[in-house]
Amino acid sequence: MHRGEKPYPCSVCGKCFTGKSNLNRHKRIHTGEKPYSCSECGKCFKEKSGLLAHELTHTGNVGNTLQINQIFLYMKEFTERSHTGEKPYSCSECGKCFINKSNLIIHERSHTGEKPYFCSECGKCFTNKSNLSKHERIHTGEKPFSCSVCGKCFTNKSDLFKHERIHTGEKSYSCLECGKCFTTKSYLIRHERIHTGERLYSCAVCGKCFTNKSDLMKHERIHTGEKPYSCSICGKCFTNKSNLITHERIHTGEKPYSCPECGKCFTNKSDLIKHEKSHTMLML
């Protein structure tokens, strides 16, 4: 990139930025997005520095000048490097570079396997505190993030953003191979493995391979018997979230899948597909 070049314009106000991360941060002014949430009380912030300063109110160190100065130094350092693209902290294992040391430390755990944060409820361990906080909501049932359009609630902000694209129809990520578009980059990456045949994730017990980590994790529960998703009404447990959602419709009576031919509604898509075949059989 040439000095002074700002190739990333804001679609709302037209202001331009040198990097995509700077544009994304700016967009929060328009969207009101606050992606950094306090694990203690759930309060959300636009910038990580704001969260760090807030967290001191829980620890009782709000008057500690040294800690506050460290936070603002972190903020200044992070902002400057976001503009310059400087990433001075590199991983000795794979060479990947980071803006700050804390992100490098979290990344290095992917090589060492270190998971210092554990769930007091089930014992599952995590590489960072934010992932532990997200996981703990499975046990508590807490869903602090709600959709402003339909009111549906989510355990974490990223799931809310994915959901909101159902309403906006936004699909920013397209496959270079077939042109299919996706709402998130992770969905695109997962899709691209259909073309490459790549299966990175293998089961340590039986060796079966999978294109994405979530499918491996679901599969591993066959071996462990783990059922982390429980119904808040009757307590029945499930190996994956989609089965829990389908089950919950027994209690709520929700039938979101309707037949375009006769209007009959069903709790899950597979029952709708079976039903639709009854219409095609009658036509034969």
Protein backbone atom coordinates (compact mmCIF):
# COMPACT_ATOMS: atom_id res chain seq x y z
CA MET A 1 0.00 0.00 0.00
CA HIS A 2 1.31 3.48 -0.90
CA ARG A 3 1.66 6.11 1.84
CA GLY A 4 -1.55 8.08 2.27
CA GLU A 5 -3.68 5.57 0.38
CA LYS A 6 -7.05 4.80 2.02
CA PRO A 7 -8.74 2.03 0.01
CA TYR A 8 -11.44 1.11 2.57
CA PRO A 9 -14.47 3.46 2.43
CA CYS A 10 -17.39 3.45 4.89
CA SER A 11 -20.61 2.54 3.04
CA VAL A 12 -22.62 4.77 5.40
CA CYS A 13 -20.74 8.09 5.48
CA GLY A 14 -18.00 7.65 2.86
CA LYS A 15 -15.06 8.19 5.21
CA CYS A 16 -11.98 6.23 4.06
CA PHE A 17 -9.44 4.20 6.01
CA THR A 18 -6.01 2.66 5.48
CA GLY A 19 -6.96 -0.76 6.85
CA LYS A 20 -10.04 -2.95 7.12
CA SER A 21 -9.72 -3.20 10.91
CA ASN A 22 -9.87 0.60 11.18
CA LEU A 23 -12.98 0.64 8.97
CA ASN A 24 -14.63 -2.04 11.10
CA ARG A 25 -13.94 -0.05 14.26
CA HIS A 26 -15.35 3.10 12.64
CA LYS A 27 -18.54 1.28 11.57
CA ARG A 28 -19.40 0.77 15.23
CA ILE A 29 -20.25 4.49 15.37
CA HIS A 30 -23.11 3.80 12.93
CA THR A 31 -24.17 0.34 14.11
CA GLY A 32 -23.75 0.89 17.83
CA GLU A 33 -21.91 -2.45 17.99
CA LYS A 34 -20.08 -3.12 21.25
CA PRO A 35 -18.15 -6.38 20.75
CA TYR A 36 -16.19 -6.34 24.02
CA SER A 37 -18.27 -7.58 26.95
CA CYS A 38 -17.40 -7.79 30.64
CA SER A 39 -17.40 -11.41 31.83
CA GLU A 40 -18.41 -10.21 35.30
CA CYS A 41 -21.52 -8.10 34.60
CA GLY A 42 -22.11 -8.34 30.82
CA LYS A 43 -21.65 -4.61 30.11
CA CYS A 44 -20.43 -4.04 26.54
CA PHE A 45 -17.86 -1.67 25.05
CA LYS A 46 -16.82 -0.49 21.58
CA GLU A 47 -13.09 -0.68 22.37
CA LYS A 48 -11.05 -3.23 24.31
CA SER A 49 -9.40 -0.42 26.27
CA GLY A 50 -12.82 0.65 27.58
CA LEU A 51 -13.50 -2.92 28.74
CA LEU A 52 -10.11 -3.16 30.47
CA ALA A 53 -10.71 0.13 32.31
CA HIS A 54 -14.20 -1.04 33.32
CA GLU A 55 -12.95 -4.39 34.64
CA LEU A 56 -10.90 -2.53 37.26
CA THR A 57 -14.18 -1.49 38.93
CA HIS A 58 -14.81 -5.17 39.71
CA THR A 59 -11.28 -5.89 40.97
CA GLY A 60 -11.29 -2.83 43.20
CA ASN A 61 -8.18 -1.44 41.52
CA VAL A 62 -9.88 1.48 39.83
CA GLY A 63 -7.64 3.88 41.73
CA ASN A 64 -4.44 2.15 40.67
CA THR A 65 -2.79 4.80 38.47
CA LEU A 66 -0.22 2.36 37.10
CA GLN A 67 -2.87 -0.04 35.78
CA ILE A 68 -4.91 2.79 34.24
CA ASN A 69 -1.80 4.17 32.55
CA GLN A 70 -1.04 0.69 31.20
CA ILE A 71 -4.51 0.50 29.67
CA PHE A 72 -4.17 3.83 27.89
CA LEU A 73 -0.66 2.91 26.74
CA TYR A 74 -2.12 -0.32 25.32
CA MET A 75 -4.86 1.69 23.57
CA LYS A 76 -2.35 4.17 22.07
CA GLU A 77 -0.03 1.36 20.96
CA PHE A 78 -2.89 -0.66 19.42
CA THR A 79 -4.33 2.37 17.55
CA GLU A 80 -0.94 3.41 16.12
CA ARG A 81 -0.13 -0.11 14.92
CA SER A 82 -3.58 -0.46 13.36
CA HIS A 83 -2.71 2.53 11.15
CA THR A 84 0.87 1.51 10.33
CA GLY A 85 0.20 -2.23 9.98
CA GLU A 86 3.12 -2.94 12.33
CA LYS A 87 3.00 -6.36 14.01
CA PRO A 88 6.14 -6.60 16.17
CA TYR A 89 5.24 -9.78 18.08
CA SER A 90 5.93 -12.96 16.10
CA CYS A 91 5.32 -16.60 16.98
CA SER A 92 8.58 -18.55 17.21
CA GLU A 93 6.72 -21.71 16.16
CA CYS A 94 4.95 -20.63 12.94
CA GLY A 95 6.05 -17.03 12.31
CA LYS A 96 2.55 -15.49 12.53
CA CYS A 97 2.71 -11.86 13.70
CA PHE A 98 0.54 -9.85 16.08
CA ILE A 99 -0.06 -6.22 17.05
CA ASN A 100 0.27 -6.87 20.77
CA LYS A 101 1.85 -9.41 23.09
CA SER A 102 -1.42 -10.60 24.66
CA ASN A 103 -2.70 -11.83 21.27
CA LEU A 104 0.61 -13.61 20.67
CA ILE A 105 0.37 -15.37 24.07
CA ILE A 106 -3.18 -16.57 23.29
CA HIS A 107 -2.04 -17.77 19.83
CA GLU A 108 0.98 -19.66 21.23
CA ARG A 109 -1.42 -21.81 23.25
CA SER A 110 -2.61 -23.33 19.94
CA HIS A 111 0.88 -24.85 19.65
CA THR A 112 1.49 -25.73 23.31
CA GLY A 113 -2.04 -26.98 23.98
CA GLU A 114 -2.16 -24.89 27.16
CA LYS A 115 -5.72 -24.17 28.34
CA PRO A 116 -5.48 -22.25 31.63
CA TYR A 117 -9.18 -21.31 31.91
CA PHE A 118 -11.52 -24.08 33.05
CA CYS A 119 -15.26 -24.32 33.58
CA SER A 120 -16.16 -24.95 37.23
CA GLU A 121 -19.39 -26.64 36.10
CA CYS A 122 -18.07 -29.32 33.71
CA GLY A 123 -14.27 -28.98 33.81
CA LYS A 124 -13.85 -28.11 30.13
CA CYS A 125 -10.73 -25.98 29.51
CA PHE A 126 -10.10 -22.99 27.24
CA THR A 127 -7.15 -21.03 25.89
CA ASN A 128 -8.63 -17.63 26.82
CA LYS A 129 -11.11 -16.15 29.28
CA SER A 130 -13.59 -14.87 26.66
CA ASN A 131 -14.13 -18.40 25.28
CA LEU A 132 -14.70 -19.67 28.83
CA SER A 133 -17.28 -16.91 29.42
CA LYS A 134 -19.13 -17.87 26.21
CA HIS A 135 -19.08 -21.55 27.20
CA GLU A 136 -20.40 -20.88 30.71
CA ARG A 137 -23.58 -19.46 29.18
CA ILE A 138 -24.42 -22.99 27.98
CA HIS A 139 -24.83 -23.94 31.64
CA THR A 140 -26.50 -20.73 32.84
CA GLY A 141 -28.76 -20.36 29.79
CA GLU A 142 -27.86 -16.65 29.68
CA LYS A 143 -28.49 -14.98 26.31
CA PRO A 144 -27.52 -11.32 26.71
CA PHE A 145 -27.49 -10.40 23.00
CA SER A 146 -30.88 -9.80 21.35
CA CYS A 147 -31.85 -9.06 17.74
CA SER A 148 -33.41 -5.60 17.34
CA VAL A 149 -35.56 -6.88 14.47
CA CYS A 150 -37.16 -10.07 15.82
CA GLY A 151 -36.05 -10.17 19.47
CA LYS A 152 -34.29 -13.53 19.23
CA CYS A 153 -31.55 -13.84 21.88
CA PHE A 154 -28.05 -15.28 21.66
CA THR A 155 -25.31 -16.35 24.06
CA ASN A 156 -22.60 -14.42 22.20
CA LYS A 157 -22.34 -11.35 19.97
CA SER A 158 -20.87 -13.17 16.94
CA ASP A 159 -23.96 -15.42 16.71
CA LEU A 160 -26.16 -12.32 16.85
CA PHE A 161 -24.23 -10.73 13.95
CA LYS A 162 -24.60 -13.91 11.87
CA HIS A 163 -28.32 -13.99 12.64
CA GLU A 164 -28.86 -10.31 11.73
CA ARG A 165 -27.68 -11.05 8.20
CA ILE A 166 -30.83 -13.20 7.78
CA HIS A 167 -32.78 -9.93 8.01
CA THR A 168 -30.39 -7.81 5.92
CA GLY A 169 -29.62 -10.51 3.34
CA GLU A 170 -25.97 -9.49 3.44
CA LYS A 171 -23.56 -12.12 2.07
CA SER A 172 -20.14 -10.50 1.87
CA TYR A 173 -18.02 -13.62 1.35
CA SER A 174 -18.02 -15.31 -2.08
CA CYS A 175 -16.37 -18.52 -3.28
CA LEU A 176 -13.85 -17.95 -6.09
CA GLU A 177 -14.50 -21.47 -7.38
CA CYS A 178 -18.30 -21.45 -7.82
CA GLY A 179 -19.43 -17.94 -6.86
CA LYS A 180 -21.64 -19.03 -3.96
CA CYS A 181 -21.93 -16.31 -1.29
CA PHE A 182 -21.92 -16.59 2.49
CA THR A 183 -22.78 -14.46 5.49
CA THR A 184 -19.50 -15.19 7.33
CA LYS A 185 -15.90 -15.94 6.40
CA SER A 186 -15.93 -19.16 8.44
CA TYR A 187 -18.87 -20.48 6.36
CA LEU A 188 -16.93 -19.64 3.17
CA ILE A 189 -13.78 -21.42 4.39
CA ARG A 190 -15.86 -24.47 5.35
CA HIS A 191 -17.55 -24.45 1.92
CA GLU A 192 -14.24 -24.16 0.03
CA ARG A 193 -13.18 -27.51 1.49
CA ILE A 194 -15.91 -29.12 -0.66
CA HIS A 195 -13.84 -28.09 -3.69
CA THR A 196 -10.42 -28.94 -2.21
CA GLY A 197 -11.50 -32.14 -0.42
CA GLU A 198 -9.47 -30.96 2.57
CA ARG A 199 -10.31 -32.59 5.93
CA LEU A 200 -8.11 -31.06 8.58
CA TYR A 201 -9.78 -32.38 11.71
CA SER A 202 -9.39 -36.04 12.70
CA CYS A 203 -10.84 -37.95 15.65
CA ALA A 204 -8.15 -39.14 18.07
CA VAL A 205 -10.26 -42.19 18.97
CA CYS A 206 -11.34 -43.64 15.61
CA GLY A 207 -9.42 -41.56 13.05
CA LYS A 208 -12.48 -40.30 11.16
CA CYS A 209 -11.75 -36.97 9.44
CA PHE A 210 -13.87 -33.84 9.11
CA THR A 211 -13.83 -30.62 7.09
CA ASN A 212 -14.49 -28.41 10.12
CA LYS A 213 -13.80 -28.47 13.85
CA SER A 214 -17.45 -28.20 14.92
CA ASP A 215 -18.32 -31.46 13.11
CA LEU A 216 -15.35 -33.17 14.80
CA MET A 217 -16.50 -31.92 18.22
CA LYS A 218 -20.03 -33.22 17.61
CA HIS A 219 -18.61 -36.58 16.51
CA GLU A 220 -16.31 -36.87 19.56
CA ARG A 221 -19.37 -36.76 21.81
CA ILE A 222 -20.31 -40.21 20.43
CA HIS A 223 -17.18 -41.51 22.18
CA THR A 224 -17.34 -39.36 25.35
CA GLY A 225 -21.13 -39.45 25.83
CA GLU A 226 -21.02 -35.70 26.58
CA LYS A 227 -24.37 -33.90 26.22
CA PRO A 228 -23.68 -30.24 27.03
CA TYR A 229 -26.98 -28.81 25.76
CA SER A 230 -29.87 -29.16 28.21
CA CYS A 231 -33.52 -28.19 27.87
CA SER A 232 -34.43 -25.45 30.36
CA ILE A 233 -38.00 -26.80 30.60
CA CYS A 234 -37.60 -30.57 31.11
CA GLY A 235 -33.85 -31.00 31.60
CA LYS A 236 -33.32 -33.45 28.72
CA CYS A 237 -29.75 -33.24 27.38
CA PHE A 238 -28.39 -33.30 23.83
CA THR A 239 -25.03 -33.70 22.10
CA ASN A 240 -25.54 -30.67 19.84
CA LYS A 241 -27.44 -27.40 19.88
CA SER A 242 -29.54 -28.08 16.76
CA ASN A 243 -31.10 -31.17 18.40
CA LEU A 244 -31.89 -29.11 21.50
CA ILE A 245 -33.56 -26.39 19.37
CA THR A 246 -35.68 -29.01 17.58
CA HIS A 247 -36.63 -30.59 20.91
CA GLU A 248 -37.62 -27.25 22.48
CA ARG A 249 -40.31 -26.88 19.81
CA ILE A 250 -42.19 -29.73 21.53
CA HIS A 251 -42.67 -27.37 24.47
CA THR A 252 -43.21 -24.13 22.52
CA GLY A 253 -45.35 -25.65 19.75
CA GLU A 254 -43.31 -23.74 17.17
CA LYS A 255 -43.52 -25.15 13.63
CA PRO A 256 -41.29 -22.99 11.42
CA TYR A 257 -41.31 -25.21 8.32
CA SER A 258 -44.42 -24.92 6.14
CA CYS A 259 -45.40 -26.80 2.99
CA PRO A 260 -45.73 -24.42 0.01
CA GLU A 261 -48.30 -26.78 -1.51
CA CYS A 262 -50.86 -27.12 1.31
CA GLY A 263 -49.56 -24.89 4.13
CA LYS A 264 -49.15 -27.67 6.70
CA CYS A 265 -46.43 -26.82 9.25
CA PHE A 266 -43.69 -28.92 10.85
CA THR A 267 -41.23 -28.63 13.73
CA ASN A 268 -38.24 -29.74 11.65
CA LYS A 269 -37.17 -29.65 8.02
CA SER A 270 -36.81 -33.43 7.62
CA ASP A 271 -40.52 -33.93 8.41
CA LEU A 272 -41.41 -31.26 5.85
CA ILE A 273 -39.32 -33.02 3.17
CA LYS A 274 -41.05 -36.36 3.92
CA HIS A 275 -44.44 -34.66 3.73
CA GLU A 276 -43.67 -32.93 0.41
CA LYS A 277 -43.03 -36.36 -1.13
CA SER A 278 -46.69 -37.20 -0.47
CA HIS A 279 -47.66 -34.46 -2.91
CA THR A 280 -45.23 -35.65 -5.59
CA MET A 281 -46.53 -39.24 -5.21
CA LEU A 282 -50.10 -38.05 -5.76
CA MET A 283 -49.02 -36.30 -8.97
CA LEU A 284 -47.60 -39.54 -10.42
